[in-house]
């Protein structure tokens, strides 16, 4: 399953809820303000590093760059462009947006 998260971990608990409930083996795609979770120094970064053993973790490159965080990405997180976003949606049978 593709899990799409768009809210900052400082604003909402969407990422935490996803990590608590989602079954292993899917892909997490962080978009919009959720990309902050995948940056060094962020409080959610430790949880995301731990989640990398259970999920493939991706961020939307354009959102990361728009927030000036492209140089702060934690190791092991994959960046995707808009085409990559579409590819991820096509590769997964189900998509879940976490609000």
C-alpha atoms as a PDB file:
ATOM      1  CA  UNK A   1       0.000   0.000   0.000  1.00  0.00           C
ATOM      2  CA  UNK A   2       1.110   3.542  -0.713  1.00  0.00           C
ATOM      3  CA  UNK A   3       0.665   5.770   2.338  1.00  0.00           C
ATOM      4  CA  UNK A   4       0.577   9.469   1.443  1.00  0.00           C
ATOM      5  CA  UNK A   5       1.173  11.940   4.254  1.00  0.00           C
ATOM      6  CA  UNK A   6       0.938  15.689   3.709  1.00  0.00           C
ATOM      7  CA  UNK A   7       0.904  17.301   7.170  1.00  0.00           C
ATOM      8  CA  UNK A   8       3.909  18.392   9.207  1.00  0.00           C
ATOM      9  CA  UNK A   9       4.558  16.175  12.241  1.00  0.00           C
ATOM     10  CA  UNK A  10       4.518  19.380  14.329  1.00  0.00           C
ATOM     11  CA  UNK A  11       1.019  20.234  13.090  1.00  0.00           C
ATOM     12  CA  UNK A  12      -0.767  16.873  13.104  1.00  0.00           C
ATOM     13  CA  UNK A  13      -0.165  13.284  14.172  1.00  0.00           C
ATOM     14  CA  UNK A  14      -0.763  11.829  10.688  1.00  0.00           C
ATOM     15  CA  UNK A  15       2.707  10.294  10.406  1.00  0.00           C
ATOM     16  CA  UNK A  16       2.542   8.825  13.894  1.00  0.00           C
ATOM     17  CA  UNK A  17      -0.922   7.358  13.226  1.00  0.00           C
ATOM     18  CA  UNK A  18       0.266   5.857   9.948  1.00  0.00           C
ATOM     19  CA  UNK A  19       3.317   4.266  11.548  1.00  0.00           C
ATOM     20  CA  UNK A  20       1.223   2.841  14.377  1.00  0.00           C
ATOM     21  CA  UNK A  21      -1.526   1.326  12.186  1.00  0.00           C
ATOM     22  CA  UNK A  22      -0.040   0.530   8.772  1.00  0.00           C
ATOM     23  CA  UNK A  23       1.107  -2.960   7.909  1.00  0.00           C
ATOM     24  CA  UNK A  24       4.744  -3.502   7.062  1.00  0.00           C
ATOM     25  CA  UNK A  25       5.979  -3.604   3.508  1.00  0.00           C
ATOM     26  CA  UNK A  26       4.351  -0.591   1.931  1.00  0.00           C
ATOM     27  CA  UNK A  27       5.709   2.765   0.868  1.00  0.00           C
ATOM     28  CA  UNK A  28       5.450   6.055   2.736  1.00  0.00           C
ATOM     29  CA  UNK A  29       5.341   9.131   0.522  1.00  0.00           C
ATOM     30  CA  UNK A  30       5.796  12.445   2.296  1.00  0.00           C
ATOM     31  CA  UNK A  31       4.470  15.468   0.434  1.00  0.00           C
ATOM     32  CA  UNK A  32       3.816  19.119   1.225  1.00  0.00           C
ATOM     33  CA  UNK A  33       4.744  19.967   4.866  1.00  0.00           C
ATOM     34  CA  UNK A  34       5.208  16.278   5.773  1.00  0.00           C
ATOM     35  CA  UNK A  35       8.632  16.426   4.088  1.00  0.00           C
ATOM     36  CA  UNK A  36       9.939  18.105   7.255  1.00  0.00           C
ATOM     37  CA  UNK A  37       9.721  14.717   9.005  1.00  0.00           C
ATOM     38  CA  UNK A  38      12.476  13.406   6.725  1.00  0.00           C
ATOM     39  CA  UNK A  39      14.986  16.121   7.580  1.00  0.00           C
ATOM     40  CA  UNK A  40      17.897  16.020   9.997  1.00  0.00           C
ATOM     41  CA  UNK A  41      17.195  17.696  13.316  1.00  0.00           C
ATOM     42  CA  UNK A  42      13.442  17.183  13.117  1.00  0.00           C
ATOM     43  CA  UNK A  43      11.792  15.522  16.119  1.00  0.00           C
ATOM     44  CA  UNK A  44      10.085  12.982  13.825  1.00  0.00           C
ATOM     45  CA  UNK A  45      13.317  11.969  12.058  1.00  0.00           C
ATOM     46  CA  UNK A  46      14.101   9.221  14.596  1.00  0.00           C
ATOM     47  CA  UNK A  47      10.673   7.643  14.097  1.00  0.00           C
ATOM     48  CA  UNK A  48      11.106   7.842  10.340  1.00  0.00           C
ATOM     49  CA  UNK A  49      14.566   6.220  10.512  1.00  0.00           C
ATOM     50  CA  UNK A  50      13.065   3.391  12.541  1.00  0.00           C
ATOM     51  CA  UNK A  51      10.209   3.058  10.033  1.00  0.00           C
ATOM     52  CA  UNK A  52      12.714   2.530   7.213  1.00  0.00           C
ATOM     53  CA  UNK A  53      13.066  -1.083   8.352  1.00  0.00           C
ATOM     54  CA  UNK A  54       9.344  -1.572   7.684  1.00  0.00           C
ATOM     55  CA  UNK A  55       8.638   0.742   4.735  1.00  0.00           C
ATOM     56  CA  UNK A  56      10.244   2.311   1.733  1.00  0.00           C
ATOM     57  CA  UNK A  57      10.281   6.030   2.527  1.00  0.00           C
ATOM     58  CA  UNK A  58      10.032   8.643  -0.239  1.00  0.00           C
ATOM     59  CA  UNK A  59       9.607  12.407  -0.343  1.00  0.00           C
ATOM     60  CA  UNK A  60       8.396  14.627  -3.144  1.00  0.00           C
ATOM     61  CA  UNK A  61      11.498  16.487  -4.313  1.00  0.00           C
ATOM     62  CA  UNK A  62       9.631  19.657  -5.360  1.00  0.00           C
ATOM     63  CA  UNK A  63       8.101  20.039  -1.886  1.00  0.00           C
ATOM     64  CA  UNK A  64      11.462  19.429  -0.215  1.00  0.00           C
ATOM     65  CA  UNK A  65      13.092  22.085  -2.392  1.00  0.00           C
ATOM     66  CA  UNK A  66      10.214  24.556  -1.959  1.00  0.00           C
ATOM     67  CA  UNK A  67      10.833  24.439   1.794  1.00  0.00           C
ATOM     68  CA  UNK A  68      14.594  24.850   1.433  1.00  0.00           C
ATOM     69  CA  UNK A  69      15.269  21.436   3.000  1.00  0.00           C
ATOM     70  CA  UNK A  70      16.863  19.522   0.113  1.00  0.00           C
ATOM     71  CA  UNK A  71      20.280  19.545   1.827  1.00  0.00           C
ATOM     72  CA  UNK A  72      18.865  18.230   5.117  1.00  0.00           C
ATOM     73  CA  UNK A  73      17.352  14.919   4.003  1.00  0.00           C
ATOM     74  CA  UNK A  74      18.102  11.968   6.294  1.00  0.00           C
ATOM     75  CA  UNK A  75      19.945   8.979   4.864  1.00  0.00           C
ATOM     76  CA  UNK A  76      17.937   6.250   3.170  1.00  0.00           C
ATOM     77  CA  UNK A  77      15.027   8.415   2.058  1.00  0.00           C
ATOM     78  CA  UNK A  78      14.336   8.422  -1.685  1.00  0.00           C
ATOM     79  CA  UNK A  79      13.318  11.578  -3.522  1.00  0.00           C
ATOM     80  CA  UNK A  80      10.768  11.374  -6.328  1.00  0.00           C
ATOM     81  CA  UNK A  81       9.567  13.893  -8.880  1.00  0.00           C
ATOM     82  CA  UNK A  82       5.943  14.231  -9.970  1.00  0.00           C
ATOM     83  CA  UNK A  83       6.376  11.407 -12.466  1.00  0.00           C
ATOM     84  CA  UNK A  84       7.753   9.247  -9.660  1.00  0.00           C
ATOM     85  CA  UNK A  85       4.671  10.077  -7.587  1.00  0.00           C
ATOM     86  CA  UNK A  86       2.478   8.800 -10.413  1.00  0.00           C
ATOM     87  CA  UNK A  87       4.665   5.692 -10.748  1.00  0.00           C
ATOM     88  CA  UNK A  88       4.305   4.945  -7.030  1.00  0.00           C
ATOM     89  CA  UNK A  89       0.529   5.280  -7.251  1.00  0.00           C
ATOM     90  CA  UNK A  90       0.467   2.941 -10.258  1.00  0.00           C
ATOM     91  CA  UNK A  91       2.750   0.369  -8.577  1.00  0.00           C
ATOM     92  CA  UNK A  92       0.563  -0.008  -5.497  1.00  0.00           C
ATOM     93  CA  UNK A  93      -2.832  -1.646  -5.531  1.00  0.00           C
ATOM     94  CA  UNK A  94      -4.103   0.702  -2.807  1.00  0.00           C
ATOM     95  CA  UNK A  95      -3.326   4.271  -1.736  1.00  0.00           C
ATOM     96  CA  UNK A  96      -4.174   5.750   1.661  1.00  0.00           C
ATOM     97  CA  UNK A  97      -3.992   9.470   2.367  1.00  0.00           C
ATOM     98  CA  UNK A  98      -3.421  10.265   6.032  1.00  0.00           C
ATOM     99  CA  UNK A  99      -5.105  13.514   7.019  1.00  0.00           C
END
